[in-house]
Amino acid sequence: MSDQPLVTIEAIGRKCPVPVIMLAERIREVPIGSLVAVTADDPAARTDIPSWCRMKMQEFVAEHPLDHGSAFHVRRMY
């Protein structure tokens, strides 16, 4: 399993719930066990993305602060 995201979803400037919708639409682009990164600056993403992961049984790995916003790493579990 790689610790580097294979896909980065750019959601800077997009408001809730758009970052989560973009993640849901694109997570199947990576193989099971691989990471997707979502870059977002909406404060709601900090709770929305981990919550979506719990609901959808995907693994929320980490939040990595960026100069503007954060990169949220999610591992595809199925």
Protein backbone atom coordinates (compact mmCIF):
# COMPACT_ATOMS: atom_id res chain seq x y z
CA MET A 1 0.00 0.00 0.00
CA SER A 2 1.35 3.36 -1.01
CA ASP A 3 1.44 6.29 1.40
CA GLN A 4 1.38 8.77 -1.48
CA PRO A 5 -1.98 9.70 -2.99
CA LEU A 6 -2.53 8.42 -6.53
CA VAL A 7 -5.23 11.03 -7.17
CA THR A 8 -5.51 14.58 -5.82
CA ILE A 9 -8.92 16.21 -5.93
CA GLU A 10 -8.59 20.00 -5.98
CA ALA A 11 -11.49 21.47 -3.99
CA ILE A 12 -9.87 24.72 -2.76
CA GLY A 13 -12.51 27.44 -2.88
CA ARG A 14 -15.38 24.95 -3.02
CA LYS A 15 -17.92 25.04 -0.19
CA CYS A 16 -19.58 22.17 1.65
CA PRO A 17 -20.71 19.69 0.48
CA VAL A 18 -18.79 19.94 -2.81
CA PRO A 19 -15.44 18.50 -1.57
CA VAL A 20 -17.21 15.37 -0.24
CA ILE A 21 -19.24 15.00 -3.44
CA MET A 22 -16.05 15.25 -5.50
CA LEU A 23 -14.42 12.59 -3.29
CA ALA A 24 -17.43 10.27 -3.63
CA GLU A 25 -17.41 10.65 -7.42
CA ARG A 26 -13.68 9.96 -7.83
CA ILE A 27 -12.57 7.50 -5.13
CA ARG A 28 -13.04 4.56 -7.52
CA GLU A 29 -10.28 5.98 -9.74
CA VAL A 30 -7.69 4.42 -7.42
CA PRO A 31 -7.17 0.72 -6.59
CA ILE A 32 -8.40 -0.63 -3.26
CA GLY A 33 -5.80 0.15 -0.60
CA SER A 34 -4.56 3.30 -2.33
CA LEU A 35 -4.84 6.91 -1.19
CA VAL A 36 -6.83 9.82 -2.54
CA ALA A 37 -6.06 13.39 -1.40
CA VAL A 38 -8.70 16.09 -1.25
CA THR A 39 -7.37 19.65 -0.99
CA ALA A 40 -9.95 21.91 0.62
CA ASP A 41 -10.09 25.19 2.50
CA ASP A 42 -13.71 25.07 3.66
CA PRO A 43 -13.58 24.59 7.47
CA ALA A 44 -16.47 22.12 7.20
CA ALA A 45 -14.21 19.69 5.29
CA ARG A 46 -12.35 18.99 8.55
CA THR A 47 -15.47 17.23 9.89
CA ASP A 48 -17.27 16.34 6.66
CA ILE A 49 -14.54 14.21 5.09
CA PRO A 50 -13.86 12.01 8.18
CA SER A 51 -17.64 11.64 8.69
CA TRP A 52 -18.13 10.58 5.07
CA CYS A 53 -15.32 8.03 5.50
CA ARG A 54 -17.05 6.51 8.54
CA MET A 55 -20.41 6.36 6.75
CA LYS A 56 -18.91 4.83 3.61
CA MET A 57 -16.42 2.53 5.40
CA GLN A 58 -13.39 4.20 3.84
CA GLU A 59 -10.31 4.99 5.95
CA PHE A 60 -9.61 8.61 6.86
CA VAL A 61 -5.81 8.63 7.10
CA ALA A 62 -4.68 12.17 7.92
CA GLU A 63 -5.09 15.89 7.47
CA HIS A 64 -1.98 17.63 6.16
CA PRO A 65 -1.99 21.45 6.53
CA LEU A 66 -1.17 23.41 3.37
CA ASP A 67 -0.37 27.11 2.92
CA HIS A 68 -4.05 27.54 2.07
CA GLY A 69 -6.37 24.86 3.44
CA SER A 70 -5.44 21.22 3.99
CA ALA A 71 -4.95 17.98 2.12
CA PHE A 72 -7.17 15.23 3.49
CA HIS A 73 -5.88 11.72 2.77
CA VAL A 74 -8.41 8.90 2.37
CA ARG A 75 -7.62 5.23 1.76
CA ARG A 76 -10.03 3.33 -0.48
CA MET A 77 -11.07 0.21 1.45
CA TYR A 78 -13.40 -1.48 -1.09
